[in-house]
Amino acid sequence: MNLVASNPIPWLYVPPNELEISGLRVPLIDEKAARKLMDEEGTIFVDTRHKDDFDKKRVKRAIFLPQDDKEAQFVAVQPLLPEDARLILYCYGPQCDMAEEVARFLAPLGYKRMMIMTAGFKAWDEAGYPVEGEPE
């Protein structure tokens, strides 16, 4: 059917390069692009994973805003998250939607400069990029 269709379905899946969240375009970036932005002024990494994983190891200087307790935790971290900052949210990887859920929470609060690192923390760590956490 695909060979004779006027509008064939692509054979290869190409993931989107952005999401629309509350009317905002939120770029989806990989760990390499996130690393390039890390040292730019105004860039803040936001870890949306579970607390025990955040405590063990996280992107260096990341702020903890877990998807499962975002409302309560936001009160504590709001002073660390200026609305004009570039936020790079991350979770476990491509199959995880925790970062997207936190972005949906932050968008109506005025955060317009968000990105999601879709590869997740594992890819960041495996690339040897800066991390911190409890010693093993």
N, C-alpha and C. Protein backbone atom coordinates (compact mmCIF):
# COMPACT_ATOMS: atom_id res chain seq x y z
N MET A 1 0.82 -1.19 0.00
CA MET A 1 0.00 0.00 0.00
C MET A 1 0.86 1.26 0.00
N ASN A 2 1.94 1.25 0.74
CA ASN A 2 2.76 2.45 0.86
C ASN A 2 3.35 2.86 -0.49
N LEU A 3 3.64 1.87 -1.34
CA LEU A 3 4.24 2.17 -2.64
C LEU A 3 3.31 2.93 -3.56
N VAL A 4 2.02 2.74 -3.44
CA VAL A 4 1.07 3.38 -4.34
C VAL A 4 0.29 4.52 -3.68
N ALA A 5 0.53 4.76 -2.43
CA ALA A 5 -0.20 5.82 -1.72
C ALA A 5 0.27 7.19 -2.18
N SER A 6 -0.65 8.14 -2.26
CA SER A 6 -0.29 9.50 -2.65
C SER A 6 0.47 10.22 -1.53
N ASN A 7 0.23 9.83 -0.31
CA ASN A 7 0.92 10.41 0.84
C ASN A 7 1.46 9.27 1.70
N PRO A 8 2.58 8.64 1.28
CA PRO A 8 3.07 7.45 1.98
C PRO A 8 3.57 7.75 3.40
N ILE A 9 3.52 6.74 4.22
CA ILE A 9 4.03 6.83 5.59
C ILE A 9 5.55 6.65 5.52
N PRO A 10 6.31 7.52 6.19
CA PRO A 10 7.77 7.37 6.15
C PRO A 10 8.19 6.02 6.72
N TRP A 11 9.23 5.46 6.13
CA TRP A 11 9.72 4.15 6.57
C TRP A 11 10.48 4.24 7.88
N LEU A 12 11.14 5.34 8.09
CA LEU A 12 11.93 5.51 9.31
C LEU A 12 11.26 6.53 10.22
N TYR A 13 11.23 6.22 11.48
CA TYR A 13 10.69 7.17 12.44
C TYR A 13 11.74 8.23 12.73
N VAL A 14 11.36 9.47 12.60
CA VAL A 14 12.24 10.58 12.94
C VAL A 14 11.61 11.29 14.15
N PRO A 15 12.28 11.24 15.29
CA PRO A 15 11.70 11.86 16.49
C PRO A 15 11.59 13.37 16.31
N PRO A 16 10.64 13.98 16.99
CA PRO A 16 10.49 15.43 16.87
C PRO A 16 11.67 16.14 17.51
N ASN A 17 11.91 17.38 17.10
CA ASN A 17 13.00 18.15 17.71
C ASN A 17 12.48 19.17 18.71
N GLU A 18 11.14 19.18 18.92
CA GLU A 18 10.56 20.04 19.94
C GLU A 18 9.17 19.54 20.30
N LEU A 19 8.69 19.98 21.46
CA LEU A 19 7.33 19.70 21.91
C LEU A 19 6.60 21.02 22.05
N GLU A 20 5.29 20.98 21.94
CA GLU A 20 4.51 22.16 22.27
C GLU A 20 3.87 21.91 23.62
N ILE A 21 4.19 22.78 24.57
CA ILE A 21 3.70 22.65 25.93
C ILE A 21 3.09 23.99 26.33
N SER A 22 1.80 23.99 26.57
CA SER A 22 1.08 25.20 26.96
C SER A 22 1.36 26.36 26.02
N GLY A 23 1.40 26.07 24.73
CA GLY A 23 1.64 27.10 23.73
C GLY A 23 3.10 27.46 23.53
N LEU A 24 4.00 26.84 24.27
CA LEU A 24 5.44 27.10 24.14
C LEU A 24 6.10 26.02 23.30
N ARG A 25 7.07 26.40 22.54
CA ARG A 25 7.90 25.41 21.85
C ARG A 25 9.08 25.07 22.76
N VAL A 26 9.14 23.82 23.15
CA VAL A 26 10.19 23.35 24.05
C VAL A 26 11.13 22.45 23.24
N PRO A 27 12.36 22.94 22.97
CA PRO A 27 13.31 22.12 22.21
C PRO A 27 13.70 20.84 22.95
N LEU A 28 13.88 19.78 22.18
CA LEU A 28 14.39 18.52 22.69
C LEU A 28 15.84 18.44 22.25
N ILE A 29 16.75 18.31 23.22
CA ILE A 29 18.18 18.31 22.90
C ILE A 29 18.84 17.05 23.44
N ASP A 30 20.01 16.74 22.89
CA ASP A 30 20.76 15.59 23.40
C ASP A 30 21.77 16.08 24.44
N GLU A 31 22.49 15.14 25.00
CA GLU A 31 23.44 15.47 26.06
C GLU A 31 24.59 16.35 25.56
N LYS A 32 24.97 16.20 24.29
CA LYS A 32 26.07 17.02 23.75
C LYS A 32 25.67 18.49 23.67
N ALA A 33 24.47 18.75 23.19
CA ALA A 33 23.98 20.13 23.12
C ALA A 33 23.80 20.71 24.52
N ALA A 34 23.33 19.90 25.45
CA ALA A 34 23.15 20.36 26.83
C ALA A 34 24.50 20.72 27.44
N ARG A 35 25.51 19.91 27.19
CA ARG A 35 26.85 20.17 27.74
C ARG A 35 27.39 21.50 27.23
N LYS A 36 27.15 21.80 25.95
CA LYS A 36 27.63 23.07 25.39
C LYS A 36 26.99 24.27 26.07
N LEU A 37 25.77 24.10 26.57
CA LEU A 37 25.05 25.20 27.23
C LEU A 37 25.34 25.29 28.72
N MET A 38 25.96 24.26 29.29
CA MET A 38 26.12 24.16 30.74
C MET A 38 26.81 25.38 31.35
N ASP A 39 27.86 25.86 30.72
CA ASP A 39 28.65 26.93 31.32
C ASP A 39 28.18 28.33 30.92
N GLU A 40 27.11 28.40 30.12
CA GLU A 40 26.59 29.71 29.76
C GLU A 40 25.80 30.29 30.93
N GLU A 41 26.00 31.58 31.16
CA GLU A 41 25.29 32.24 32.26
C GLU A 41 23.78 32.11 32.06
N GLY A 42 23.08 31.81 33.13
CA GLY A 42 21.63 31.70 33.07
C GLY A 42 21.12 30.32 32.74
N THR A 43 22.01 29.32 32.60
CA THR A 43 21.58 27.95 32.33
C THR A 43 21.50 27.19 33.65
N ILE A 44 20.36 26.56 33.88
CA ILE A 44 20.15 25.77 35.09
C ILE A 44 19.62 24.40 34.70
N PHE A 45 20.26 23.35 35.19
CA PHE A 45 19.78 22.00 34.96
C PHE A 45 18.77 21.65 36.05
N VAL A 46 17.68 21.00 35.66
CA VAL A 46 16.62 20.61 36.58
C VAL A 46 16.45 19.09 36.50
N ASP A 47 16.74 18.42 37.60
CA ASP A 47 16.63 16.96 37.69
C ASP A 47 15.22 16.61 38.15
N THR A 48 14.50 15.85 37.33
CA THR A 48 13.11 15.50 37.63
C THR A 48 12.95 14.05 38.08
N ARG A 49 14.08 13.37 38.34
CA ARG A 49 14.04 11.96 38.71
C ARG A 49 13.63 11.80 40.18
N HIS A 50 13.71 10.56 40.66
CA HIS A 50 13.39 10.25 42.05
C HIS A 50 14.54 10.71 42.97
N LYS A 51 14.20 11.03 44.20
CA LYS A 51 15.16 11.59 45.16
C LYS A 51 16.39 10.71 45.38
N ASP A 52 16.20 9.40 45.51
CA ASP A 52 17.36 8.55 45.75
C ASP A 52 18.34 8.58 44.59
N ASP A 53 17.85 8.67 43.36
CA ASP A 53 18.74 8.75 42.19
C ASP A 53 19.43 10.10 42.13
N PHE A 54 18.69 11.16 42.44
CA PHE A 54 19.28 12.51 42.49
C PHE A 54 20.40 12.55 43.52
N ASP A 55 20.16 11.99 44.70
CA ASP A 55 21.16 12.01 45.76
C ASP A 55 22.42 11.24 45.37
N LYS A 56 22.25 10.12 44.68
CA LYS A 56 23.40 9.29 44.29
C LYS A 56 24.29 10.01 43.29
N LYS A 57 23.69 10.54 42.23
CA LYS A 57 24.48 11.17 41.19
C LYS A 57 23.56 12.01 40.31
N ARG A 58 24.04 13.19 39.94
CA ARG A 58 23.24 14.12 39.14
C ARG A 58 24.18 15.01 38.34
N VAL A 59 23.60 15.74 37.38
CA VAL A 59 24.36 16.75 36.65
C VAL A 59 24.86 17.77 37.67
N LYS A 60 26.10 18.17 37.52
CA LYS A 60 26.71 19.10 38.46
C LYS A 60 25.87 20.37 38.57
N ARG A 61 25.57 20.79 39.79
CA ARG A 61 24.79 21.98 40.15
C ARG A 61 23.31 21.89 39.76
N ALA A 62 22.81 20.70 39.49
CA ALA A 62 21.39 20.55 39.12
C ALA A 62 20.49 20.85 40.31
N ILE A 63 19.32 21.38 40.00
CA ILE A 63 18.28 21.65 40.99
C ILE A 63 17.32 20.46 40.98
N PHE A 64 16.87 20.04 42.15
CA PHE A 64 15.97 18.90 42.27
C PHE A 64 14.52 19.38 42.26
N LEU A 65 13.78 18.97 41.24
CA LEU A 65 12.34 19.26 41.14
C LEU A 65 11.66 18.01 40.59
N PRO A 66 11.33 17.07 41.48
CA PRO A 66 10.82 15.77 41.03
C PRO A 66 9.40 15.86 40.48
N GLN A 67 9.15 15.07 39.48
CA GLN A 67 7.84 15.04 38.84
C GLN A 67 6.76 14.63 39.84
N ASP A 68 7.07 13.70 40.72
CA ASP A 68 6.04 13.18 41.62
C ASP A 68 5.76 14.07 42.84
N ASP A 69 6.52 15.15 43.03
CA ASP A 69 6.30 16.05 44.16
C ASP A 69 6.61 17.49 43.77
N LYS A 70 6.33 17.82 42.51
CA LYS A 70 6.74 19.10 41.97
C LYS A 70 6.10 20.31 42.66
N GLU A 71 4.84 20.21 43.01
CA GLU A 71 4.16 21.35 43.63
C GLU A 71 4.80 21.71 44.98
N ALA A 72 4.98 20.72 45.83
CA ALA A 72 5.57 20.96 47.15
C ALA A 72 7.03 21.38 47.04
N GLN A 73 7.80 20.73 46.20
CA GLN A 73 9.22 21.01 46.07
C GLN A 73 9.46 22.37 45.42
N PHE A 74 8.55 22.80 44.56
CA PHE A 74 8.72 24.07 43.86
C PHE A 74 8.84 25.24 44.84
N VAL A 75 8.11 25.19 45.93
CA VAL A 75 8.16 26.26 46.94
C VAL A 75 9.61 26.45 47.41
N ALA A 76 10.32 25.34 47.61
CA ALA A 76 11.69 25.41 48.11
C ALA A 76 12.69 25.86 47.04
N VAL A 77 12.47 25.49 45.79
CA VAL A 77 13.46 25.79 44.75
C VAL A 77 13.14 27.03 43.93
N GLN A 78 11.96 27.59 44.08
CA GLN A 78 11.58 28.75 43.27
C GLN A 78 12.62 29.88 43.34
N PRO A 79 13.18 30.20 44.51
CA PRO A 79 14.20 31.26 44.53
C PRO A 79 15.45 30.94 43.71
N LEU A 80 15.68 29.68 43.42
CA LEU A 80 16.85 29.25 42.63
C LEU A 80 16.56 29.19 41.14
N LEU A 81 15.29 29.42 40.76
CA LEU A 81 14.87 29.28 39.37
C LEU A 81 14.28 30.59 38.84
N PRO A 82 15.13 31.54 38.45
CA PRO A 82 14.59 32.77 37.89
C PRO A 82 13.78 32.47 36.62
N GLU A 83 12.69 33.20 36.42
CA GLU A 83 11.83 32.94 35.26
C GLU A 83 12.55 33.13 33.94
N ASP A 84 13.57 33.98 33.89
CA ASP A 84 14.26 34.23 32.63
C ASP A 84 15.45 33.28 32.40
N ALA A 85 15.66 32.34 33.31
CA ALA A 85 16.76 31.38 33.15
C ALA A 85 16.44 30.38 32.04
N ARG A 86 17.50 29.82 31.45
CA ARG A 86 17.34 28.71 30.51
C ARG A 86 17.36 27.44 31.36
N LEU A 87 16.23 26.74 31.39
CA LEU A 87 16.14 25.51 32.16
C LEU A 87 16.31 24.31 31.25
N ILE A 88 17.22 23.43 31.62
CA ILE A 88 17.40 22.17 30.90
C ILE A 88 16.92 21.07 31.84
N LEU A 89 15.75 20.52 31.53
CA LEU A 89 15.13 19.49 32.35
C LEU A 89 15.56 18.12 31.85
N TYR A 90 15.76 17.19 32.77
CA TYR A 90 16.11 15.83 32.36
C TYR A 90 15.54 14.82 33.34
N CYS A 91 15.41 13.60 32.84
CA CYS A 91 14.99 12.49 33.70
C CYS A 91 15.85 11.28 33.35
N TYR A 92 15.24 10.13 33.13
CA TYR A 92 15.99 8.89 32.94
C TYR A 92 16.38 8.62 31.50
N GLY A 93 15.64 9.11 30.54
CA GLY A 93 15.96 8.85 29.14
C GLY A 93 14.77 9.00 28.23
N PRO A 94 14.91 8.55 26.98
CA PRO A 94 13.88 8.77 25.97
C PRO A 94 12.49 8.21 26.31
N GLN A 95 12.42 7.15 27.08
CA GLN A 95 11.13 6.56 27.40
C GLN A 95 10.49 7.20 28.64
N CYS A 96 11.17 8.14 29.25
CA CYS A 96 10.70 8.77 30.49
C CYS A 96 10.02 10.10 30.16
N ASP A 97 8.87 10.35 30.78
CA ASP A 97 8.17 11.62 30.52
C ASP A 97 8.17 12.54 31.75
N MET A 98 9.01 12.27 32.74
CA MET A 98 9.05 13.08 33.95
C MET A 98 9.45 14.53 33.64
N ALA A 99 10.45 14.73 32.81
CA ALA A 99 10.89 16.09 32.48
C ALA A 99 9.78 16.84 31.75
N GLU A 100 9.09 16.16 30.86
CA GLU A 100 7.97 16.78 30.14
C GLU A 100 6.86 17.19 31.11
N GLU A 101 6.56 16.36 32.09
CA GLU A 101 5.52 16.68 33.07
C GLU A 101 5.90 17.90 33.91
N VAL A 102 7.16 18.00 34.28
CA VAL A 102 7.61 19.17 35.05
C VAL A 102 7.56 20.41 34.16
N ALA A 103 7.90 20.28 32.89
CA ALA A 103 7.79 21.41 31.96
C ALA A 103 6.34 21.88 31.86
N ARG A 104 5.41 20.94 31.82
CA ARG A 104 3.99 21.30 31.78
C ARG A 104 3.57 22.05 33.05
N PHE A 105 4.17 21.73 34.16
CA PHE A 105 3.90 22.42 35.42
C PHE A 105 4.50 23.83 35.41
N LEU A 106 5.72 23.98 34.89
CA LEU A 106 6.43 25.25 34.94
C LEU A 106 5.93 26.27 33.91
N ALA A 107 5.48 25.81 32.76
CA ALA A 107 5.08 26.73 31.68
C ALA A 107 4.04 27.76 32.13
N PRO A 108 2.95 27.35 32.78
CA PRO A 108 1.96 28.35 33.20
C PRO A 108 2.47 29.29 34.32
N LEU A 109 3.58 28.94 34.94
CA LEU A 109 4.15 29.77 36.00
C LEU A 109 5.09 30.85 35.46
N GLY A 110 5.23 30.90 34.11
CA GLY A 110 6.03 31.94 33.49
C GLY A 110 7.37 31.52 32.94
N TYR A 111 7.71 30.25 33.02
CA TYR A 111 9.00 29.77 32.51
C TYR A 111 8.88 29.53 31.01
N LYS A 112 9.59 30.35 30.23
CA LYS A 112 9.46 30.32 28.77
C LYS A 112 10.70 29.75 28.07
N ARG A 113 11.80 29.60 28.79
CA ARG A 113 13.06 29.17 28.17
C ARG A 113 13.46 27.78 28.66
N MET A 114 12.62 26.80 28.36
CA MET A 114 12.91 25.44 28.80
C MET A 114 13.36 24.58 27.63
N MET A 115 14.20 23.60 27.95
CA MET A 115 14.63 22.57 27.01
C MET A 115 14.56 21.24 27.76
N ILE A 116 14.40 20.17 27.01
CA ILE A 116 14.40 18.85 27.62
C ILE A 116 15.55 18.04 27.03
N MET A 117 16.43 17.54 27.91
CA MET A 117 17.53 16.68 27.49
C MET A 117 16.97 15.27 27.40
N THR A 118 16.57 14.89 26.21
CA THR A 118 15.84 13.63 26.02
C THR A 118 16.67 12.38 26.29
N ALA A 119 17.98 12.46 26.11
CA ALA A 119 18.82 11.28 26.33
C ALA A 119 18.87 10.89 27.80
N GLY A 120 18.58 11.83 28.69
CA GLY A 120 18.52 11.54 30.10
C GLY A 120 19.87 11.52 30.79
N PHE A 121 19.80 11.32 32.09
CA PHE A 121 21.02 11.37 32.91
C PHE A 121 22.02 10.28 32.54
N LYS A 122 21.54 9.11 32.23
CA LYS A 122 22.46 8.00 31.92
C LYS A 122 23.40 8.37 30.77
N ALA A 123 22.86 8.96 29.71
CA ALA A 123 23.70 9.34 28.57
C ALA A 123 24.70 10.43 28.99
N TRP A 124 24.25 11.36 29.82
CA TRP A 124 25.13 12.42 30.32
C TRP A 124 26.30 11.80 31.10
N ASP A 125 25.98 10.91 32.00
CA ASP A 125 26.99 10.28 32.84
C ASP A 125 27.94 9.43 32.00
N GLU A 126 27.40 8.66 31.08
CA GLU A 126 28.24 7.81 30.23
C GLU A 126 29.17 8.62 29.33
N ALA A 127 28.77 9.85 29.01
CA ALA A 127 29.62 10.71 28.18
C ALA A 127 30.77 11.31 28.99
N GLY A 128 30.73 11.14 30.32
CA GLY A 128 31.79 11.66 31.16
C GLY A 128 31.65 13.14 31.48
N TYR A 129 30.46 13.68 31.35
CA TYR A 129 30.22 15.09 31.63
C TYR A 129 30.14 15.32 33.13
N PRO A 130 30.27 16.56 33.57
CA PRO A 130 30.34 16.86 35.02
C PRO A 130 29.12 16.38 35.82
N VAL A 131 29.42 15.64 36.89
CA VAL A 131 28.39 15.13 37.81
C VAL A 131 28.84 15.39 39.24
N GLU A 132 27.89 15.25 40.14
CA GLU A 132 28.17 15.32 41.57
C GLU A 132 27.19 14.41 42.28
N GLY A 133 27.44 14.15 43.55
CA GLY A 133 26.55 13.30 44.33
C GLY A 133 27.30 12.65 45.48
N GLU A 134 26.64 11.67 46.08
CA GLU A 134 27.23 10.96 47.21
C GLU A 134 28.34 10.06 46.72
N PRO A 135 29.45 9.98 47.45
CA PRO A 135 30.51 9.04 47.05
C PRO A 135 30.02 7.60 47.18
N GLU A 136 30.46 6.78 46.25
CA GLU A 136 30.03 5.37 46.26
C GLU A 136 30.88 4.53 47.18
